[in-house]
Protein backbone atom coordinates (compact mmCIF):
# COMPACT_ATOMS: atom_id res chain seq x y z
CA MET A 1 17.49 1.99 2.06
CA VAL A 2 15.56 -0.84 3.70
CA LYS A 3 13.09 -2.43 1.31
CA PRO A 4 9.63 -3.18 2.74
CA THR A 5 8.24 -6.71 2.87
CA LEU A 6 4.98 -7.86 1.29
CA VAL A 7 2.95 -10.20 3.53
CA VAL A 8 0.19 -12.15 1.78
CA MET A 9 -2.55 -13.68 3.94
CA ALA A 10 -3.66 -16.89 2.21
CA ALA A 11 -4.52 -19.37 4.96
CA GLY A 12 -8.29 -19.10 4.50
CA MET A 13 -9.87 -21.90 2.51
CA GLY A 14 -12.53 -19.73 0.85
CA SER A 15 -15.61 -21.36 2.36
CA ARG A 16 -18.11 -19.14 0.52
CA TYR A 17 -16.25 -19.60 -2.75
CA GLY A 18 -16.08 -23.37 -2.39
CA GLY A 19 -12.41 -24.14 -2.96
CA LEU A 20 -8.88 -22.82 -3.08
CA LYS A 21 -9.76 -19.48 -4.60
CA GLN A 22 -6.22 -18.25 -3.85
CA ILE A 23 -4.83 -20.42 -6.66
CA ASP A 24 -7.68 -20.19 -9.17
CA PRO A 25 -6.43 -18.69 -12.49
CA VAL A 26 -7.89 -15.33 -13.54
CA GLY A 27 -5.25 -14.02 -15.99
CA PRO A 28 -4.93 -14.75 -19.74
CA SER A 29 -1.83 -16.90 -19.20
CA GLY A 30 -3.03 -18.73 -16.11
CA GLU A 31 -2.09 -16.01 -13.62
CA ILE A 32 -3.77 -15.96 -10.22
CA ILE A 33 -4.65 -12.82 -8.29
CA ILE A 34 -1.51 -13.08 -6.14
CA ASP A 35 0.62 -12.92 -9.30
CA TYR A 36 -0.66 -9.41 -10.00
CA SER A 37 -0.17 -8.26 -6.40
CA ILE A 38 3.41 -9.53 -6.38
CA HIS A 39 4.11 -8.04 -9.81
CA ASP A 40 2.85 -4.62 -8.68
CA ALA A 41 4.76 -4.81 -5.38
CA LEU A 42 8.07 -5.79 -7.00
CA LYS A 43 7.68 -3.11 -9.63
CA VAL A 44 7.66 -0.36 -6.99
CA GLY A 45 10.47 -1.86 -4.89
CA PHE A 46 9.31 -4.37 -2.28
CA GLY A 47 12.20 -6.66 -1.39
CA LYS A 48 10.65 -9.80 0.12
CA VAL A 49 7.40 -11.76 -0.05
CA VAL A 50 5.96 -13.78 2.84
CA PHE A 51 3.05 -16.15 2.26
CA ILE A 52 0.86 -17.06 5.25
CA ILE A 53 -0.74 -20.39 4.39
CA LYS A 54 -1.95 -23.65 5.83
CA GLU A 55 0.87 -26.17 5.92
CA GLU A 56 -1.01 -28.66 3.75
CA MET A 57 -1.18 -26.03 0.97
CA LEU A 58 2.60 -25.63 0.73
CA GLU A 59 3.25 -27.73 -2.36
CA ASP A 60 0.29 -26.19 -4.21
CA PHE A 61 1.62 -22.72 -3.47
CA LYS A 62 5.12 -23.60 -4.55
CA ASP A 63 3.89 -25.09 -7.79
CA ILE A 64 1.38 -22.39 -8.66
CA ILE A 65 3.16 -19.21 -7.51
CA GLY A 66 6.30 -19.73 -5.43
CA ARG A 67 8.49 -21.16 -8.15
CA ARG A 68 7.36 -18.48 -10.60
CA VAL A 69 8.86 -15.65 -8.57
CA GLU A 70 11.49 -17.19 -6.29
CA GLU A 71 14.24 -16.15 -8.69
CA LEU A 72 13.03 -12.55 -8.62
CA VAL A 73 12.59 -11.98 -4.89
CA GLU A 74 13.23 -13.60 -1.51
CA ILE A 75 10.27 -15.74 -0.45
CA ALA A 76 9.28 -17.17 2.92
CA TYR A 77 6.36 -19.38 3.91
CA VAL A 78 4.65 -19.09 7.28
CA PHE A 79 2.12 -21.64 8.50
CA GLN A 80 -0.94 -20.44 10.38
CA LYS A 81 -2.08 -23.24 12.66
CA VAL A 82 -5.22 -23.49 14.75
CA GLU A 83 -3.23 -25.10 17.57
CA ASP A 84 -0.85 -22.12 17.85
CA VAL A 85 -2.31 -20.59 21.01
CA PRO A 86 -0.64 -19.23 24.16
CA VAL A 87 0.30 -21.43 27.10
CA GLY A 88 -2.75 -22.06 29.24
CA PHE A 89 -5.15 -22.22 26.30
CA ILE A 90 -6.24 -25.18 24.19
CA ALA A 91 -7.74 -24.86 20.72
CA PRO A 92 -11.17 -26.52 20.71
CA ALA A 93 -11.39 -29.69 18.63
CA GLU A 94 -14.30 -28.28 16.63
CA ARG A 95 -12.25 -25.26 15.52
CA THR A 96 -11.38 -25.92 11.87
CA LYS A 97 -10.37 -22.52 10.44
CA PRO A 98 -7.47 -20.21 11.41
CA TRP A 99 -7.91 -17.63 14.15
CA GLY A 100 -8.19 -14.60 11.88
CA THR A 101 -6.10 -11.83 10.36
CA ALA A 102 -4.42 -10.62 13.57
CA HIS A 103 -3.28 -14.16 14.37
CA ALA A 104 -2.04 -14.57 10.79
CA VAL A 105 0.20 -11.51 10.99
CA MET A 106 1.41 -12.56 14.43
CA CYS A 107 2.75 -15.78 12.89
CA CYS A 108 5.23 -13.73 10.79
CA LYS A 109 7.25 -12.41 13.72
CA ASP A 110 10.33 -14.55 13.04
CA VAL A 111 10.58 -13.81 9.30
CA VAL A 112 9.73 -10.09 9.02
CA ASN A 113 12.13 -7.44 10.32
CA THR A 114 11.33 -4.46 8.07
CA PRO A 115 8.29 -2.23 7.62
CA PHE A 116 5.74 -4.35 5.79
CA LEU A 117 2.48 -4.34 3.87
CA VAL A 118 -0.23 -6.89 4.65
CA ILE A 119 -2.70 -7.86 1.92
CA ASN A 120 -5.29 -10.53 1.21
CA SER A 121 -4.43 -13.21 -1.33
CA ASP A 122 -7.79 -13.06 -3.11
CA ASP A 123 -8.13 -9.30 -3.60
CA PHE A 124 -6.97 -7.35 -6.66
CA TYR A 125 -5.89 -3.91 -5.42
CA GLY A 126 -4.50 -2.16 -8.51
CA ALA A 127 -0.96 -1.02 -9.23
CA SER A 128 -1.24 2.48 -7.75
CA THR A 129 -2.22 1.03 -4.37
CA PHE A 130 1.21 -0.57 -3.96
CA LYS A 131 3.03 2.59 -5.03
CA LEU A 132 1.00 4.63 -2.56
CA ILE A 133 1.92 2.59 0.50
CA TYR A 134 5.47 1.78 -0.62
CA ASP A 135 6.29 5.50 -0.69
CA TYR A 136 5.00 5.78 2.87
CA LEU A 137 6.73 2.66 4.23
CA ILE A 138 10.24 3.47 3.00
CA ASP A 139 10.45 6.55 5.24
CA ILE A 140 8.49 5.37 8.27
CA LYS A 141 9.89 4.68 11.74
CA ASP A 142 8.08 4.40 15.03
CA SER A 143 8.36 7.59 17.06
CA GLN A 144 8.91 7.62 20.80
CA ALA A 145 5.28 8.58 21.33
CA PHE A 146 3.46 6.38 18.82
CA TYR A 147 3.70 3.34 16.64
CA GLU A 148 3.61 4.70 13.10
CA TYR A 149 1.25 2.55 11.05
CA SER A 150 -0.67 3.11 7.83
CA MET A 151 -3.41 1.65 5.70
CA VAL A 152 -4.80 2.10 2.21
CA GLY A 153 -8.45 3.09 2.31
CA PHE A 154 -10.84 2.43 -0.56
CA LYS A 155 -14.19 3.96 -1.41
CA LEU A 156 -16.88 1.55 -0.24
CA GLU A 157 -18.71 1.54 -3.57
CA ASN A 158 -15.49 0.44 -5.33
CA THR A 159 -15.22 -2.69 -3.17
CA LEU A 160 -18.60 -4.42 -3.51
CA THR A 161 -19.67 -7.53 -5.39
CA ASP A 162 -22.96 -8.08 -7.20
CA ASN A 163 -23.07 -11.68 -5.99
CA GLY A 164 -23.54 -11.51 -2.23
CA HIS A 165 -22.32 -9.87 0.94
CA VAL A 166 -18.76 -8.94 1.89
CA ALA A 167 -16.85 -8.07 5.05
CA ARG A 168 -15.23 -4.63 5.27
CA GLY A 169 -13.69 -2.51 7.99
CA VAL A 170 -15.58 0.82 7.90
CA CYS A 171 -13.22 3.62 8.85
CA SER A 172 -13.57 6.93 10.67
CA VAL A 173 -10.84 9.34 9.51
CA ASP A 174 -9.92 12.68 11.10
CA GLU A 175 -9.25 15.96 9.30
CA CYS A 176 -5.49 15.21 9.19
CA GLY A 177 -5.99 11.88 7.45
CA TYR A 178 -5.44 9.63 10.46
CA LEU A 179 -7.68 6.77 11.50
CA ASN A 180 -9.98 7.51 14.42
CA GLY A 181 -11.41 4.02 14.55
CA ILE A 182 -12.58 1.10 12.49
CA LYS A 183 -15.66 -1.09 12.75
CA GLU A 184 -15.65 -4.54 11.20
CA ARG A 185 -18.90 -5.07 9.32
CA THR A 186 -19.03 -8.71 8.28
CA ARG A 187 -22.16 -8.47 6.10
CA ILE A 188 -22.27 -5.56 3.66
CA LYS A 189 -24.40 -5.85 0.55
CA LYS A 190 -25.02 -3.74 -2.54
CA TYR A 191 -28.56 -2.47 -3.03
CA LYS A 192 -30.05 -0.21 -5.72
CA ASP A 193 -30.06 2.71 -3.29
CA GLY A 194 -26.55 2.07 -1.93
CA ALA A 195 -24.61 -0.22 0.37
CA LYS A 196 -26.13 -1.55 3.57
CA TYR A 197 -24.93 -3.75 6.41
CA THR A 198 -26.64 -6.01 8.92
CA GLU A 199 -25.67 -7.37 12.31
CA ASP A 200 -28.62 -9.71 12.76
CA GLY A 201 -29.37 -10.80 9.19
CA GLU A 202 -32.73 -9.03 9.18
CA ASN A 203 -32.28 -5.31 9.73
CA TRP A 204 -30.16 -3.50 7.13
CA VAL A 205 -28.50 -0.15 7.85
CA LYS A 206 -27.42 2.14 5.02
CA LEU A 207 -23.77 3.23 4.80
CA PRO A 208 -22.92 6.68 3.40
CA GLU A 209 -21.68 6.79 -0.18
CA GLY A 210 -17.93 7.44 -0.26
CA SER A 211 -17.32 5.76 3.09
CA THR A 212 -13.68 4.76 3.54
CA VAL A 213 -13.20 1.03 4.05
CA SER A 214 -10.25 -1.20 4.81
CA MET A 215 -9.39 -4.05 2.47
CA ASN A 216 -6.68 -5.41 4.79
CA THR A 217 -4.00 -3.30 3.14
CA TRP A 218 -2.08 -2.46 6.32
CA GLY A 219 1.35 -0.89 6.62
CA PHE A 220 3.12 -1.88 9.83
CA THR A 221 6.48 -1.72 11.53
CA PRO A 222 7.70 -4.83 13.41
CA SER A 223 6.43 -3.27 16.66
CA ILE A 224 3.01 -4.70 15.83
CA PHE A 225 4.13 -8.26 16.61
CA ASP A 226 4.53 -7.74 20.36
CA GLU A 227 1.15 -6.04 20.54
CA LEU A 228 -0.56 -8.88 18.65
CA GLU A 229 1.01 -11.46 20.97
CA LYS A 230 0.05 -9.46 24.05
CA LYS A 231 -3.57 -9.05 23.03
CA PHE A 232 -4.18 -12.60 21.78
CA PRO A 233 -4.62 -14.15 25.28
CA GLU A 234 -6.97 -11.29 26.14
CA PHE A 235 -9.01 -12.08 23.03
CA LEU A 236 -9.16 -15.80 23.86
CA GLU A 237 -10.24 -15.12 27.43
CA LYS A 238 -12.89 -12.64 26.35
CA ASN A 239 -14.27 -15.13 23.80
CA LYS A 240 -13.86 -18.30 25.85
CA ASN A 241 -17.49 -19.22 25.31
CA ASN A 242 -17.24 -18.83 21.52
CA LEU A 243 -13.79 -20.21 20.67
CA PRO A 244 -14.94 -22.48 17.82
CA LYS A 245 -16.01 -19.41 15.81
CA ALA A 246 -14.42 -16.25 17.28
CA GLU A 247 -12.17 -14.23 14.93
CA TYR A 248 -9.07 -12.31 16.03
CA PHE A 249 -9.27 -9.46 13.50
CA LEU A 250 -6.56 -6.87 12.77
CA PRO A 251 -9.04 -3.95 12.96
CA MET A 252 -9.90 -4.95 16.55
CA VAL A 253 -6.26 -4.66 17.59
CA ILE A 254 -5.72 -1.42 15.69
CA ASP A 255 -8.84 0.08 17.23
CA ASP A 256 -7.55 -0.81 20.71
CA LEU A 257 -4.08 0.66 20.05
CA ILE A 258 -5.60 3.93 18.82
CA ALA A 259 -7.89 4.10 21.87
CA GLU A 260 -4.91 3.39 24.15
CA ASN A 261 -2.99 6.26 22.48
CA LYS A 262 -0.24 3.85 21.43
CA ALA A 263 -0.54 4.07 17.65
CA LYS A 264 -1.55 6.39 14.88
CA VAL A 265 -2.55 5.11 11.46
CA LYS A 266 -2.19 7.25 8.35
CA VAL A 267 -5.00 6.58 5.87
CA LEU A 268 -3.76 6.64 2.27
CA THR A 269 -6.71 6.89 -0.10
CA SER A 270 -6.79 4.78 -3.26
CA SER A 271 -9.13 5.46 -6.16
CA GLU A 272 -8.60 1.95 -7.56
CA GLN A 273 -11.48 -0.37 -8.33
CA TRP A 274 -11.27 -3.52 -6.22
CA TYR A 275 -11.83 -6.92 -7.77
CA GLY A 276 -12.03 -10.22 -5.96
CA VAL A 277 -13.39 -13.73 -6.01
CA THR A 278 -15.45 -13.84 -2.85
CA TYR A 279 -17.91 -15.98 -4.78
CA LYS A 280 -17.52 -18.20 -7.86
CA GLU A 281 -19.81 -15.85 -9.76
CA ASP A 282 -17.19 -13.08 -9.33
CA LYS A 283 -14.62 -14.85 -11.49
CA PRO A 284 -15.87 -13.71 -14.94
CA THR A 285 -15.87 -10.09 -13.75
CA ILE A 286 -12.26 -10.09 -12.59
CA LYS A 287 -11.09 -12.02 -15.65
CA ALA A 288 -12.71 -9.41 -17.90
CA ALA A 289 -11.25 -6.55 -15.86
CA ILE A 290 -7.72 -7.95 -16.03
CA MET A 291 -8.05 -8.57 -19.75
CA GLN A 292 -9.08 -4.94 -20.17
CA LEU A 293 -5.96 -3.83 -18.27
CA VAL A 294 -3.84 -6.10 -20.48
CA ASN A 295 -5.39 -4.54 -23.59
CA LYS A 296 -4.57 -1.08 -22.20
CA GLY A 297 -0.94 -2.11 -21.69
CA VAL A 298 -1.02 -1.98 -17.89
CA TYR A 299 0.04 -5.64 -17.74
CA PRO A 300 1.65 -7.93 -20.34
CA ILE A 301 -0.47 -10.78 -21.60
CA ASN A 302 1.96 -13.18 -19.93
CA LEU A 303 2.90 -11.62 -16.61
CA TRP A 304 6.11 -13.54 -15.91
CA GLY A 305 7.02 -14.45 -19.47
CA TYR A 306 6.19 -18.13 -19.16
CA GLY A 307 3.39 -20.42 -18.09
CA ASN A 308 0.45 -22.16 -19.67
CA GLU A 309 -2.06 -19.95 -21.39
CA GLU A 310 -5.68 -20.71 -20.71
């Protein structure tokens, strides 16, 4: 049996958070969020971990997480670079952040050759999420008619912070549990009467309670790499007047592939409560939540059996 690969997107610098939130301790023994994701993934059977990072973060990642788990699983590091654009294009000098999630996954082409799960580095997804998609990935193969992809969908109200707005892919799912389409909403905020989003910063539109959203928990086969490479020049050309800020998002590519009748995406629904550190004010909440899970016996107080307790 081929073991799936876990791909962790960690190249973002956390501008709203104000630092390297990917390596900020949240566990009782100095664990970071990625520790818990890797622990949950290895427990269900993932066989390799790939970190997508900025090259200048390599030593930090090795010291904080890589050396903790390299004896337990194969690890690879992939560098997402702003200057990695197709021939004929030049990254603008004022572009300082990576090109987005689709570009990040595209950078993994040479190190991933199995079905794989993509996650964010700064999101806590819960143990059952990894079991859910692992069970799907171990049996999946692209058919002749479609690419066979998957994603874990979360209830919108389980993915919000009290401390500001968040970005979520709002999903439309058909009666058979497949994704019809996904709309990236980059500013969703919790209000007393429910979640609302805005496109212009002034007018807020209410989202239905129970809406299914993507948290960048995508299950792919390696067929996605050619599609990402093919569509990246199209994205750059379409956004040539906004290259300093334009984002090449995974949901955009998935939406296109569904519309082109090239891919189908099975939506696997998780009831887990999301926790993250989008803002510094989120940290006490996730620390308390993890401590509660430790007290319930879901996780040991020292995840890997060594490290410096806080």
